Amino acid sequence: MEVVIVGTQGVPAAYGGFESLVENIIGENCSPDIHYTVFCSSADMPDRRSGYKGCSLKYVGLHANGISSVPYDIISMMRAVRGFDVVLILGTSGCVFLSVFRLLSKSRLIVNIDGLEHRREKWGRLAKCFLRFSERCAVRNADVVIADNKGIQDYVTDTYHLKSELIAYGGDHVLRNVPEDRQKEILARYGLESGKYAITVCRIEPENNCDMILEAFAKSGKNLVFIGNWQHSPYAQHLHRKYAGFSSGGGYNLRLTDAVYDLDVLYTLRSHAACYVHGHSAGGTNPSLVEAMFFGRPVLAYDVVYNRETTHGLAYYFSTAEELSGLVSRDDLDGAALKRVAEENYTWRHIAEQYETLYRGRK
């Protein structure tokens, strides 16, 4: 069975949740009777390898994110009209083209609509209108719509009166075998003591409540390692400057750390944290939240339906900086139940099997 994937930066994964999804449903988690082709951005991935983990890679010479994601996705779809049994589209940026695509292609069309992109604060009014229209085109033209969270599934039902399939993300790829000496070296490099700090990993965007999290920890004096892309936008740069007095050593309690790509380092920082703080307010099942659950640490999550659904109501929830400050001051928090939820629901083998069932037309 020939399956083509449209809508990601590409693999090897080095960007976000959809890239991690593709990385983990191909390769060892893929059934032998399925062959994947993945469209990649040559602007973002200039090495242009022809294959990876048994799948074929094809390239489009545009960036895969921002406004260029629309023509990037449309060009990818045009090149996927023939030769594939299934077209899997991740995200809805280019789905304004789907009514034309349906006329040209006989492939089974599956769309993962991601979160509710048109509700994100970073977009202006016109962009939100376009994204809402693109989402409508996706839902109306797809053979199967995938929602990654029960909250998103309910939204599709209530808004479009259509059924969608619920498939979340995996997170067990974050578990690694890092020697104890290496872990000690990493903690020492960051000036951290095991169990004496909280950690947050996210993009620095308004809808992720970064300001609220930083305010709570600045006031509480509790230690926080905040990993993100601190220079990518005026908003991120403003927060970095605002909390600089609490950061970067000298006993300061906030460590504002740029994105970490060394998986041993990321594993160590997560596994030794006292708790994980998750501020996302938009979207559905967030990959960083699922990943954090595998470490068995308490999770402090912003109180929205998506986060409650992902954690099965077993995290600790906050809506204000004051509520978060109160939670981080407690010493009775536990994350063991979250680890069990993750092991039962969010392994990549399970997620890959769910996608393959849809490819074959079974539910």
Protein backbone atom coordinates (compact mmCIF):
# COMPACT_ATOMS: atom_id res chain seq x y z
CA MET A 1 0.00 0.00 0.00
CA GLU A 2 1.41 3.37 -1.05
CA VAL A 3 0.80 6.16 1.48
CA VAL A 4 1.96 9.74 0.94
CA ILE A 5 2.20 12.30 3.77
CA VAL A 6 1.69 16.02 3.11
CA GLY A 7 1.99 18.94 5.51
CA THR A 8 5.19 18.57 7.51
CA GLN A 9 8.64 20.07 7.35
CA GLY A 10 9.85 16.54 6.78
CA VAL A 11 12.00 13.88 8.40
CA PRO A 12 14.30 13.32 10.20
CA ALA A 13 12.11 15.21 12.67
CA ALA A 14 13.58 18.49 13.88
CA TYR A 15 10.61 20.79 14.35
CA GLY A 16 7.23 19.96 15.90
CA GLY A 17 4.53 17.48 16.70
CA PHE A 18 3.58 16.42 13.18
CA GLU A 19 7.22 15.79 12.34
CA SER A 20 7.54 13.60 15.44
CA LEU A 21 4.38 11.78 14.39
CA VAL A 22 5.83 10.94 10.98
CA GLU A 23 9.20 10.01 12.49
CA ASN A 24 7.51 7.42 14.68
CA ILE A 25 4.87 5.85 12.43
CA ILE A 26 7.47 5.03 9.78
CA GLY A 27 10.41 2.71 10.38
CA GLU A 28 10.12 -0.01 13.01
CA ASN A 29 6.48 0.81 13.85
CA CYS A 30 5.37 0.50 10.22
CA SER A 31 3.77 -2.72 8.91
CA PRO A 32 5.78 -4.39 6.11
CA ASP A 33 2.98 -4.04 3.54
CA ILE A 34 2.93 -0.23 3.76
CA HIS A 35 5.36 2.09 2.01
CA TYR A 36 5.46 5.77 2.89
CA THR A 37 6.43 8.76 0.78
CA VAL A 38 6.92 12.01 2.72
CA PHE A 39 6.98 15.49 1.22
CA CYS A 40 9.72 17.63 2.77
CA SER A 41 10.83 21.26 2.59
CA SER A 42 14.19 21.64 0.85
CA ALA A 43 14.29 25.19 2.27
CA ASP A 44 14.18 23.80 5.81
CA MET A 45 16.04 20.53 5.18
CA PRO A 46 18.80 21.29 2.65
CA ASP A 47 20.57 17.91 2.87
CA ARG A 48 17.84 16.46 0.58
CA ARG A 49 18.36 12.80 1.38
CA SER A 50 16.30 10.54 -0.87
CA GLY A 51 15.12 8.09 1.75
CA TYR A 52 14.83 7.63 5.51
CA LYS A 53 13.75 4.68 7.68
CA GLY A 54 12.45 2.85 4.62
CA CYS A 55 10.31 5.69 3.27
CA SER A 56 10.87 7.83 0.17
CA LEU A 57 11.38 11.59 0.48
CA LYS A 58 10.28 14.19 -2.07
CA TYR A 59 11.05 17.91 -1.83
CA VAL A 60 9.27 21.22 -2.36
CA GLY A 61 11.41 24.36 -2.44
CA LEU A 62 9.41 26.42 0.04
CA HIS A 63 9.41 26.76 3.80
CA ALA A 64 6.80 24.50 5.43
CA ASN A 65 5.69 26.96 8.09
CA GLY A 66 4.12 30.40 8.29
CA ILE A 67 2.32 31.88 5.29
CA SER A 68 4.39 29.81 2.85
CA SER A 69 2.84 26.66 4.30
CA VAL A 70 -0.23 27.25 2.10
CA PRO A 71 1.52 27.03 -1.31
CA TYR A 72 3.91 24.42 0.14
CA ASP A 73 0.99 22.12 0.97
CA ILE A 74 -0.84 22.81 -2.30
CA ILE A 75 2.22 22.02 -4.43
CA SER A 76 2.73 18.82 -2.42
CA MET A 77 -0.89 17.82 -3.05
CA MET A 78 -0.57 18.49 -6.78
CA ARG A 79 2.40 16.14 -6.90
CA ALA A 80 0.47 13.52 -4.91
CA VAL A 81 -2.54 13.32 -7.25
CA ARG A 82 -1.38 10.06 -8.86
CA GLY A 83 0.36 6.93 -7.66
CA PHE A 84 -0.86 6.63 -4.07
CA ASP A 85 -3.54 4.58 -2.38
CA VAL A 86 -3.80 6.95 0.59
CA VAL A 87 -3.01 10.65 1.00
CA LEU A 88 -2.51 11.66 4.63
CA ILE A 89 -2.61 15.44 5.13
CA LEU A 90 -1.34 16.78 8.44
CA GLY A 91 -2.82 20.20 9.18
CA THR A 92 -5.24 22.28 7.15
CA SER A 93 -3.10 25.15 5.76
CA GLY A 94 -3.43 24.12 2.12
CA CYS A 95 -6.82 22.43 2.31
CA VAL A 96 -8.48 25.20 0.32
CA PHE A 97 -7.22 23.12 -2.62
CA LEU A 98 -9.01 19.93 -1.58
CA SER A 99 -12.16 20.41 -3.66
CA VAL A 100 -9.91 20.47 -6.75
CA PHE A 101 -7.79 17.60 -5.46
CA ARG A 102 -10.91 15.42 -5.07
CA LEU A 103 -11.67 15.89 -8.77
CA LEU A 104 -8.17 14.78 -9.78
CA SER A 105 -7.38 11.96 -7.39
CA LYS A 106 -9.01 8.66 -6.48
CA SER A 107 -6.83 8.16 -3.39
CA ARG A 108 -8.31 7.69 0.05
CA LEU A 109 -8.00 11.12 1.65
CA ILE A 110 -7.31 11.37 5.40
CA VAL A 111 -6.82 14.73 7.14
CA ASN A 112 -5.55 15.31 10.65
CA ILE A 113 -6.92 18.78 11.37
CA ASP A 114 -4.50 19.41 14.29
CA GLY A 115 -5.68 21.97 16.86
CA LEU A 116 -8.04 24.85 16.23
CA GLU A 117 -5.44 26.95 14.46
CA HIS A 118 -7.84 29.82 13.79
CA ARG A 119 -8.20 30.41 17.54
CA ARG A 120 -4.50 31.04 18.18
CA GLU A 121 -3.72 34.55 19.39
CA LYS A 122 -0.76 35.01 17.07
CA TRP A 123 -2.99 35.29 13.97
CA GLY A 124 -4.73 38.46 12.82
CA ARG A 125 -8.39 38.65 11.83
CA LEU A 126 -7.88 37.93 8.11
CA ALA A 127 -5.56 35.00 8.84
CA LYS A 128 -8.10 33.55 11.28
CA CYS A 129 -10.85 33.81 8.66
CA PHE A 130 -8.68 32.04 6.09
CA LEU A 131 -7.72 29.28 8.54
CA ARG A 132 -11.35 28.73 9.51
CA PHE A 133 -12.30 28.44 5.83
CA SER A 134 -9.41 26.06 5.16
CA GLU A 135 -10.48 23.90 8.09
CA ARG A 136 -14.01 23.76 6.67
CA CYS A 137 -12.65 22.65 3.30
CA ALA A 138 -10.64 19.91 5.01
CA VAL A 139 -13.56 18.52 6.97
CA ARG A 140 -15.97 18.64 4.03
CA ASN A 141 -13.67 16.95 1.52
CA ALA A 142 -11.83 14.30 3.53
CA ASP A 143 -12.84 10.64 3.55
CA VAL A 144 -11.67 10.52 7.16
CA VAL A 145 -11.04 13.37 9.60
CA ILE A 146 -8.66 12.71 12.48
CA ALA A 147 -8.92 14.63 15.74
CA ASP A 148 -6.04 14.26 18.18
CA ASN A 149 -8.11 15.05 21.28
CA LYS A 150 -11.64 14.43 22.55
CA GLY A 151 -12.12 18.20 22.78
CA ILE A 152 -11.29 18.57 19.07
CA GLN A 153 -13.51 15.59 18.22
CA ASP A 154 -16.44 17.22 20.03
CA TYR A 155 -15.74 20.48 18.18
CA VAL A 156 -15.95 18.69 14.80
CA THR A 157 -19.22 17.06 15.82
CA ASP A 158 -20.77 20.27 17.14
CA THR A 159 -19.52 22.55 14.34
CA TYR A 160 -19.78 20.33 11.26
CA HIS A 161 -22.14 17.56 12.44
CA LEU A 162 -19.66 14.99 11.19
CA LYS A 163 -17.90 12.06 12.79
CA SER A 164 -14.13 12.12 13.25
CA GLU A 165 -11.63 9.50 14.37
CA LEU A 166 -9.74 10.07 17.61
CA ILE A 167 -5.99 9.38 17.40
CA ALA A 168 -3.58 11.12 19.77
CA TYR A 169 0.24 11.21 19.74
CA GLY A 170 2.82 8.86 21.11
CA GLY A 171 5.46 9.83 23.61
CA ASP A 172 7.53 6.77 24.48
CA HIS A 173 10.31 7.85 22.08
CA VAL A 174 11.58 10.22 24.80
CA LEU A 175 12.68 7.34 27.05
CA ARG A 176 16.41 6.69 26.76
CA ASN A 177 19.19 4.80 28.47
CA VAL A 178 21.54 7.57 29.61
CA PRO A 179 24.42 6.49 31.88
CA GLU A 180 24.25 7.87 35.41
CA ASP A 181 27.63 9.62 35.10
CA ARG A 182 26.43 11.38 31.95
CA GLN A 183 23.26 12.52 33.73
CA LYS A 184 25.27 13.91 36.64
CA GLU A 185 27.48 15.81 34.20
CA ILE A 186 24.45 17.32 32.47
CA LEU A 187 22.83 18.44 35.72
CA ALA A 188 26.11 19.99 36.85
CA ARG A 189 26.46 21.83 33.53
CA TYR A 190 23.06 23.44 34.04
CA GLY A 191 23.66 24.07 37.74
CA LEU A 192 20.71 21.91 38.75
CA GLU A 193 19.98 19.54 41.62
CA SER A 194 17.79 16.51 40.98
CA GLY A 195 14.20 17.04 42.12
CA LYS A 196 14.77 20.71 42.97
CA TYR A 197 13.33 22.37 39.86
CA ALA A 198 10.31 22.40 37.56
CA ILE A 199 10.59 22.24 33.77
CA THR A 200 8.64 23.63 30.83
CA VAL A 201 9.26 22.82 27.15
CA CYS A 202 7.31 24.77 24.53
CA ARG A 203 7.33 27.33 21.76
CA ILE A 204 7.26 30.84 23.15
CA GLU A 205 3.79 31.87 21.98
CA PRO A 206 1.04 33.86 23.77
CA GLU A 207 -1.40 30.94 23.77
CA ASN A 208 1.11 28.86 25.74
CA ASN A 209 0.79 31.25 28.70
CA CYS A 210 4.54 31.70 28.97
CA ASP A 211 4.20 35.04 30.75
CA MET A 212 1.86 33.53 33.35
CA ILE A 213 4.26 30.67 34.07
CA LEU A 214 7.27 32.96 34.39
CA GLU A 215 5.36 35.37 36.62
CA ALA A 216 4.34 32.53 38.95
CA PHE A 217 7.88 31.25 39.37
CA ALA A 218 9.43 34.72 39.62
CA LYS A 219 7.09 35.50 42.53
CA SER A 220 7.41 32.12 44.22
CA GLY A 221 11.19 31.91 44.04
CA LYS A 222 10.93 28.27 42.96
CA ASN A 223 13.39 27.02 40.35
CA LEU A 224 12.22 26.66 36.76
CA VAL A 225 14.02 25.51 33.62
CA PHE A 226 12.09 26.98 30.68
CA ILE A 227 13.21 25.56 27.31
CA GLY A 228 11.99 27.41 24.24
CA ASN A 229 12.80 29.45 21.14
CA TRP A 230 13.51 32.72 22.94
CA GLN A 231 14.70 34.72 19.92
CA HIS A 232 12.18 33.79 17.24
CA SER A 233 9.67 36.62 17.74
CA PRO A 234 9.25 40.04 19.39
CA TYR A 235 6.98 38.40 21.98
CA ALA A 236 9.62 35.84 22.93
CA GLN A 237 12.37 38.46 23.04
CA HIS A 238 10.24 40.72 25.23
CA LEU A 239 9.68 37.94 27.78
CA HIS A 240 13.37 37.09 27.76
CA ARG A 241 14.24 40.70 28.58
CA LYS A 242 11.42 41.04 31.13
CA TYR A 243 12.62 38.09 33.22
CA ALA A 244 16.35 38.49 32.64
CA GLY A 245 16.80 39.67 36.22
CA PHE A 246 15.61 36.30 37.47
CA SER A 247 17.68 34.26 35.04
CA SER A 248 21.07 33.02 33.82
CA GLY A 249 22.95 32.02 36.98
CA GLY A 250 24.16 33.75 40.11
CA GLY A 251 21.51 32.02 42.16
CA TYR A 252 18.64 33.23 39.99
CA ASN A 253 15.71 30.84 39.92
CA LEU A 254 14.66 31.09 36.25
CA ARG A 255 16.79 29.45 33.58
CA LEU A 256 15.57 30.54 30.15
CA THR A 257 17.19 27.97 27.90
CA ASP A 258 17.19 27.85 24.10
CA ALA A 259 15.79 24.78 22.35
CA VAL A 260 17.62 21.57 23.28
CA TYR A 261 18.24 19.05 20.48
CA ASP A 262 20.57 16.68 22.34
CA LEU A 263 18.14 13.94 23.37
CA ASP A 264 20.34 12.78 26.25
CA VAL A 265 20.27 16.29 27.70
CA LEU A 266 16.52 16.66 27.23
CA TYR A 267 15.88 13.25 28.80
CA THR A 268 18.04 14.11 31.80
CA LEU A 269 16.43 17.50 32.41
CA ARG A 270 12.96 16.01 32.23
CA SER A 271 13.61 12.88 34.27
CA HIS A 272 15.18 14.78 37.19
CA ALA A 273 12.55 17.54 37.37
CA ALA A 274 10.21 17.76 40.34
CA CYS A 275 7.28 18.51 38.01
CA TYR A 276 6.37 19.53 34.48
CA VAL A 277 4.47 22.77 33.80
CA HIS A 278 2.28 22.89 30.70
CA GLY A 279 0.73 26.20 29.70
CA HIS A 280 -0.84 25.40 26.32
CA SER A 281 -4.37 26.76 25.98
CA ALA A 282 -5.04 26.08 22.29
CA GLY A 283 -4.84 23.03 20.08
CA GLY A 284 -5.63 19.47 20.98
CA THR A 285 -3.34 16.79 22.35
CA ASN A 286 0.02 18.46 22.70
CA PRO A 287 3.06 16.23 22.09
CA SER A 288 5.19 17.77 24.84
CA LEU A 289 2.46 17.01 27.39
CA VAL A 290 2.20 13.38 26.27
CA GLU A 291 5.98 13.05 26.40
CA ALA A 292 6.14 14.50 29.92
CA MET A 293 3.61 11.95 31.18
CA PHE A 294 6.04 9.08 30.49
CA PHE A 295 8.43 10.37 33.17
CA GLY A 296 5.96 9.81 36.00
CA ARG A 297 6.37 13.34 37.34
CA PRO A 298 3.46 15.51 38.48
CA VAL A 299 2.06 17.65 35.67
CA LEU A 300 0.75 21.16 36.31
CA ALA A 301 -1.42 22.00 33.29
CA TYR A 302 -3.36 25.04 32.19
CA ASP A 303 -7.04 24.33 32.79
CA VAL A 304 -8.63 23.74 29.38
CA VAL A 305 -10.57 20.77 28.10
CA TYR A 306 -7.73 19.57 25.83
CA ASN A 307 -5.29 19.22 28.70
CA ARG A 308 -7.85 17.54 30.95
CA GLU A 309 -8.71 15.04 28.22
CA THR A 310 -5.05 14.24 27.48
CA THR A 311 -4.24 13.66 31.16
CA HIS A 312 -7.55 11.88 31.91
CA GLY A 313 -8.17 14.44 34.65
CA LEU A 314 -5.17 13.23 36.66
CA ALA A 315 -2.92 16.31 36.41
CA TYR A 316 -3.05 19.44 38.57
CA TYR A 317 -4.69 22.41 36.88
CA PHE A 318 -4.28 26.18 37.05
CA SER A 319 -5.84 29.22 35.39
CA THR A 320 -3.83 32.06 36.95
CA ALA A 321 -0.28 32.76 38.09
CA GLU A 322 -1.52 32.71 41.68
CA GLU A 323 -3.00 29.23 41.30
CA LEU A 324 0.23 27.98 39.72
CA SER A 325 2.29 29.49 42.53
CA GLY A 326 0.13 27.61 45.00
CA LEU A 327 0.62 24.31 43.19
CA VAL A 328 4.41 24.57 42.95
CA SER A 329 4.59 25.21 46.68
CA ARG A 330 2.93 21.89 47.50
CA ASP A 331 4.97 18.81 48.39
CA ASP A 332 2.21 16.20 48.00
CA LEU A 333 1.99 16.09 44.18
CA ASP A 334 2.25 12.73 42.39
CA GLY A 335 2.55 11.69 38.74
CA ALA A 336 2.49 7.89 38.89
CA ALA A 337 -1.08 7.67 37.56
CA LEU A 338 -0.16 9.81 34.56
CA LYS A 339 2.64 7.43 33.63
CA ARG A 340 0.15 4.54 33.60
CA VAL A 341 -2.19 6.54 31.34
CA ALA A 342 0.69 7.25 28.96
CA GLU A 343 1.79 3.61 28.80
CA GLU A 344 -1.77 2.46 28.07
CA ASN A 345 -2.70 5.11 25.50
CA TYR A 346 0.29 6.95 24.02
CA THR A 347 2.83 4.46 22.69
CA TRP A 348 3.86 4.91 19.07
CA ARG A 349 3.19 1.29 18.13
CA HIS A 350 -0.42 1.79 19.18
CA ILE A 351 -0.69 5.10 17.29
CA ALA A 352 0.81 3.59 14.11
CA GLU A 353 -1.70 0.72 14.24
CA GLN A 354 -4.58 3.19 14.51
CA TYR A 355 -3.41 5.08 11.41
CA GLU A 356 -2.89 1.86 9.43
CA THR A 357 -6.42 0.72 10.28
CA LEU A 358 -7.76 3.88 8.67
CA TYR A 359 -5.59 3.42 5.58
CA ARG A 360 -7.20 0.03 5.04
CA GLY A 361 -10.69 1.47 5.39
CA ARG A 362 -11.44 -0.15 8.74
CA LYS A 363 -12.45 1.62 11.96
